[in-house]
Amino acid sequence: MWKQFPREKKQDLIERIQMYFYNERDEEIGELAAENFLHFIMSEMGPSFYNRGVKDAIGMTEQKWISIEQDLDSLIKPDPEVKR
């Protein structure tokens, strides 16, 4: 799981968690506690956020496809009737 983030990003997230606890809860937590909290968030809540992002991307893609279909339909030229 940690392979998904570069070391610098992981460290940044840990520091942000520590700042949150300090600013919002008046608690100082160590790096290990912050890392454990990050792991909990990623493993327990991460899939829900990920799935929401995928569903949003599907919706956006569907909207774009509708627009592309409309653009392509507008390019259709009338077919002249064949006179015999």
N, C-alpha and C. Protein backbone atom coordinates (compact mmCIF):
# COMPACT_ATOMS: atom_id res chain seq x y z
N MET A 1 0.83 -1.19 0.00
CA MET A 1 0.00 0.00 0.00
C MET A 1 0.87 1.25 0.00
N TRP A 2 1.96 1.23 0.75
CA TRP A 2 2.81 2.43 0.83
C TRP A 2 3.55 2.67 -0.48
N LYS A 3 3.59 1.65 -1.32
CA LYS A 3 4.28 1.82 -2.60
C LYS A 3 3.53 2.80 -3.50
N GLN A 4 2.28 3.08 -3.17
CA GLN A 4 1.48 3.99 -3.98
C GLN A 4 1.93 5.44 -3.84
N PHE A 5 2.60 5.76 -2.76
CA PHE A 5 3.04 7.13 -2.52
C PHE A 5 4.55 7.20 -2.45
N PRO A 6 5.13 8.21 -3.06
CA PRO A 6 6.57 8.42 -2.85
C PRO A 6 6.83 8.73 -1.37
N ARG A 7 8.02 8.45 -0.91
CA ARG A 7 8.38 8.65 0.49
C ARG A 7 8.09 10.08 0.94
N GLU A 8 8.39 11.06 0.07
CA GLU A 8 8.18 12.46 0.43
C GLU A 8 6.70 12.76 0.64
N LYS A 9 5.84 12.18 -0.19
CA LYS A 9 4.40 12.39 -0.06
C LYS A 9 3.88 11.75 1.22
N LYS A 10 4.35 10.54 1.50
CA LYS A 10 3.94 9.86 2.73
C LYS A 10 4.34 10.69 3.95
N GLN A 11 5.55 11.22 3.95
CA GLN A 11 6.02 12.04 5.06
C GLN A 11 5.19 13.30 5.19
N ASP A 12 4.83 13.91 4.06
CA ASP A 12 3.99 15.10 4.07
C ASP A 12 2.63 14.79 4.69
N LEU A 13 2.04 13.66 4.32
CA LEU A 13 0.73 13.29 4.87
C LEU A 13 0.82 13.06 6.38
N ILE A 14 1.87 12.42 6.81
CA ILE A 14 2.07 12.17 8.25
C ILE A 14 2.18 13.50 9.00
N GLU A 15 2.95 14.42 8.45
CA GLU A 15 3.09 15.73 9.10
C GLU A 15 1.77 16.49 9.13
N ARG A 16 1.00 16.36 8.09
CA ARG A 16 -0.30 17.04 8.06
C ARG A 16 -1.25 16.46 9.10
N ILE A 17 -1.19 15.14 9.28
CA ILE A 17 -2.01 14.51 10.33
C ILE A 17 -1.57 15.03 11.70
N GLN A 18 -0.27 15.09 11.91
CA GLN A 18 0.23 15.60 13.19
C GLN A 18 -0.24 17.03 13.42
N MET A 19 -0.20 17.87 12.38
CA MET A 19 -0.66 19.26 12.51
C MET A 19 -2.15 19.32 12.79
N TYR A 20 -2.92 18.45 12.16
CA TYR A 20 -4.35 18.41 12.41
C TYR A 20 -4.64 18.11 13.87
N PHE A 21 -4.01 17.08 14.38
CA PHE A 21 -4.24 16.72 15.78
C PHE A 21 -3.82 17.87 16.71
N TYR A 22 -2.73 18.53 16.38
CA TYR A 22 -2.26 19.63 17.22
C TYR A 22 -3.21 20.83 17.14
N ASN A 23 -3.61 21.20 15.93
CA ASN A 23 -4.45 22.39 15.75
C ASN A 23 -5.90 22.17 16.15
N GLU A 24 -6.43 21.01 15.88
CA GLU A 24 -7.86 20.76 16.10
C GLU A 24 -8.17 20.10 17.44
N ARG A 25 -7.25 19.32 17.94
CA ARG A 25 -7.53 18.57 19.16
C ARG A 25 -6.59 18.91 20.31
N ASP A 26 -5.66 19.82 20.02
CA ASP A 26 -4.69 20.22 21.03
C ASP A 26 -3.89 19.01 21.55
N GLU A 27 -3.61 18.09 20.66
CA GLU A 27 -2.86 16.88 21.01
C GLU A 27 -1.62 16.81 20.13
N GLU A 28 -0.54 16.39 20.74
CA GLU A 28 0.65 16.11 19.96
C GLU A 28 0.75 14.60 19.82
N ILE A 29 0.84 14.16 18.57
CA ILE A 29 1.01 12.73 18.35
C ILE A 29 2.34 12.53 17.61
N GLY A 30 2.94 11.41 17.86
CA GLY A 30 4.22 11.12 17.26
C GLY A 30 4.08 10.65 15.82
N GLU A 31 5.20 10.49 15.19
CA GLU A 31 5.22 10.08 13.79
C GLU A 31 4.61 8.70 13.61
N LEU A 32 4.90 7.77 14.52
CA LEU A 32 4.36 6.42 14.41
C LEU A 32 2.83 6.43 14.54
N ALA A 33 2.31 7.19 15.50
CA ALA A 33 0.85 7.28 15.67
C ALA A 33 0.20 7.89 14.42
N ALA A 34 0.82 8.91 13.87
CA ALA A 34 0.29 9.55 12.67
C ALA A 34 0.35 8.58 11.48
N GLU A 35 1.43 7.83 11.39
CA GLU A 35 1.56 6.84 10.31
C GLU A 35 0.50 5.75 10.46
N ASN A 36 0.26 5.29 11.68
CA ASN A 36 -0.78 4.28 11.92
C ASN A 36 -2.16 4.83 11.56
N PHE A 37 -2.41 6.10 11.90
CA PHE A 37 -3.68 6.73 11.57
C PHE A 37 -3.83 6.82 10.05
N LEU A 38 -2.77 7.21 9.36
CA LEU A 38 -2.80 7.28 7.90
C LEU A 38 -3.10 5.90 7.31
N HIS A 39 -2.45 4.89 7.83
CA HIS A 39 -2.69 3.52 7.36
C HIS A 39 -4.15 3.14 7.56
N PHE A 40 -4.72 3.49 8.72
CA PHE A 40 -6.12 3.19 9.00
C PHE A 40 -7.02 3.89 7.99
N ILE A 41 -6.80 5.17 7.76
CA ILE A 41 -7.62 5.93 6.82
C ILE A 41 -7.52 5.31 5.43
N MET A 42 -6.31 5.00 5.00
CA MET A 42 -6.11 4.44 3.66
C MET A 42 -6.77 3.08 3.51
N SER A 43 -6.65 2.22 4.50
CA SER A 43 -7.17 0.86 4.37
C SER A 43 -8.67 0.79 4.61
N GLU A 44 -9.18 1.59 5.54
CA GLU A 44 -10.60 1.51 5.89
C GLU A 44 -11.49 2.45 5.09
N MET A 45 -10.98 3.61 4.72
CA MET A 45 -11.80 4.60 4.04
C MET A 45 -11.36 4.87 2.61
N GLY A 46 -10.11 4.57 2.33
CA GLY A 46 -9.57 4.82 1.00
C GLY A 46 -10.39 4.19 -0.12
N PRO A 47 -10.80 2.92 0.01
CA PRO A 47 -11.58 2.32 -1.06
C PRO A 47 -12.88 3.06 -1.37
N SER A 48 -13.54 3.61 -0.36
CA SER A 48 -14.77 4.36 -0.59
C SER A 48 -14.50 5.62 -1.41
N PHE A 49 -13.41 6.33 -1.06
CA PHE A 49 -13.05 7.53 -1.82
C PHE A 49 -12.63 7.16 -3.25
N TYR A 50 -11.89 6.09 -3.37
CA TYR A 50 -11.44 5.63 -4.68
C TYR A 50 -12.64 5.27 -5.56
N ASN A 51 -13.56 4.48 -5.00
CA ASN A 51 -14.73 4.06 -5.76
C ASN A 51 -15.58 5.26 -6.18
N ARG A 52 -15.71 6.25 -5.31
CA ARG A 52 -16.47 7.46 -5.66
C ARG A 52 -15.79 8.17 -6.83
N GLY A 53 -14.47 8.22 -6.80
CA GLY A 53 -13.73 8.84 -7.90
C GLY A 53 -13.93 8.10 -9.22
N VAL A 54 -13.93 6.77 -9.14
CA VAL A 54 -14.15 5.97 -10.35
C VAL A 54 -15.56 6.23 -10.89
N LYS A 55 -16.56 6.25 -10.01
CA LYS A 55 -17.93 6.50 -10.45
C LYS A 55 -18.07 7.90 -11.05
N ASP A 56 -17.41 8.88 -10.45
CA ASP A 56 -17.43 10.24 -11.02
C ASP A 56 -16.79 10.25 -12.40
N ALA A 57 -15.69 9.51 -12.56
CA ALA A 57 -15.02 9.45 -13.85
C ALA A 57 -15.91 8.77 -14.90
N ILE A 58 -16.63 7.74 -14.49
CA ILE A 58 -17.56 7.07 -15.41
C ILE A 58 -18.63 8.05 -15.86
N GLY A 59 -19.20 8.79 -14.92
CA GLY A 59 -20.23 9.77 -15.26
C GLY A 59 -19.71 10.84 -16.20
N MET A 60 -18.51 11.32 -15.93
CA MET A 60 -17.93 12.34 -16.80
C MET A 60 -17.66 11.78 -18.19
N THR A 61 -17.17 10.56 -18.25
CA THR A 61 -16.90 9.92 -19.53
C THR A 61 -18.20 9.74 -20.33
N GLU A 62 -19.27 9.34 -19.64
CA GLU A 62 -20.55 9.18 -20.33
C GLU A 62 -21.03 10.51 -20.89
N GLN A 63 -20.88 11.58 -20.12
CA GLN A 63 -21.29 12.91 -20.61
C GLN A 63 -20.46 13.32 -21.83
N LYS A 64 -19.17 13.07 -21.77
CA LYS A 64 -18.30 13.40 -22.90
C LYS A 64 -18.68 12.58 -24.14
N TRP A 65 -19.02 11.31 -23.93
CA TRP A 65 -19.39 10.46 -25.05
C TRP A 65 -20.67 10.97 -25.70
N ILE A 66 -21.65 11.38 -24.90
CA ILE A 66 -22.88 11.94 -25.44
C ILE A 66 -22.57 13.16 -26.30
N SER A 67 -21.69 14.01 -25.81
CA SER A 67 -21.29 15.20 -26.55
C SER A 67 -20.60 14.83 -27.86
N ILE A 68 -19.73 13.83 -27.82
CA ILE A 68 -19.05 13.38 -29.04
C ILE A 68 -20.06 12.82 -30.04
N GLU A 69 -21.01 12.03 -29.55
CA GLU A 69 -22.04 11.48 -30.44
C GLU A 69 -22.84 12.60 -31.10
N GLN A 70 -23.20 13.62 -30.33
CA GLN A 70 -23.95 14.75 -30.88
C GLN A 70 -23.11 15.49 -31.92
N ASP A 71 -21.84 15.69 -31.63
CA ASP A 71 -20.96 16.35 -32.59
C ASP A 71 -20.85 15.54 -33.88
N LEU A 72 -20.71 14.23 -33.75
CA LEU A 72 -20.62 13.38 -34.94
C LEU A 72 -21.93 13.37 -35.72
N ASP A 73 -23.06 13.31 -35.02
CA ASP A 73 -24.36 13.35 -35.70
C ASP A 73 -24.52 14.63 -36.50
N SER A 74 -23.98 15.73 -35.99
CA SER A 74 -24.13 17.01 -36.70
C SER A 74 -23.31 17.03 -37.99
N LEU A 75 -22.39 16.12 -38.14
CA LEU A 75 -21.58 16.05 -39.35
C LEU A 75 -22.24 15.26 -40.48
N ILE A 76 -23.29 14.53 -40.14
CA ILE A 76 -23.96 13.71 -41.14
C ILE A 76 -24.62 14.61 -42.18
N LYS A 77 -24.35 14.32 -43.42
CA LYS A 77 -24.91 15.08 -44.53
C LYS A 77 -26.13 14.34 -45.06
N PRO A 78 -27.09 15.11 -45.55
CA PRO A 78 -28.28 14.44 -46.10
C PRO A 78 -27.87 13.62 -47.32
N ASP A 79 -28.47 12.47 -47.40
CA ASP A 79 -28.18 11.56 -48.50
C ASP A 79 -29.16 11.87 -49.63
N PRO A 80 -28.66 12.32 -50.78
CA PRO A 80 -29.59 12.63 -51.86
C PRO A 80 -30.30 11.36 -52.34
N GLU A 81 -31.56 11.55 -52.64
CA GLU A 81 -32.32 10.39 -53.13
C GLU A 81 -31.83 10.04 -54.51
N VAL A 82 -31.76 8.78 -54.73
CA VAL A 82 -31.31 8.29 -56.04
C VAL A 82 -32.50 8.36 -56.99
N LYS A 83 -32.33 9.03 -58.15
CA LYS A 83 -33.40 9.14 -59.12
C LYS A 83 -33.16 8.12 -60.22
N ARG A 84 -34.18 7.42 -60.54
CA ARG A 84 -34.05 6.39 -61.59
C ARG A 84 -34.79 6.76 -62.81
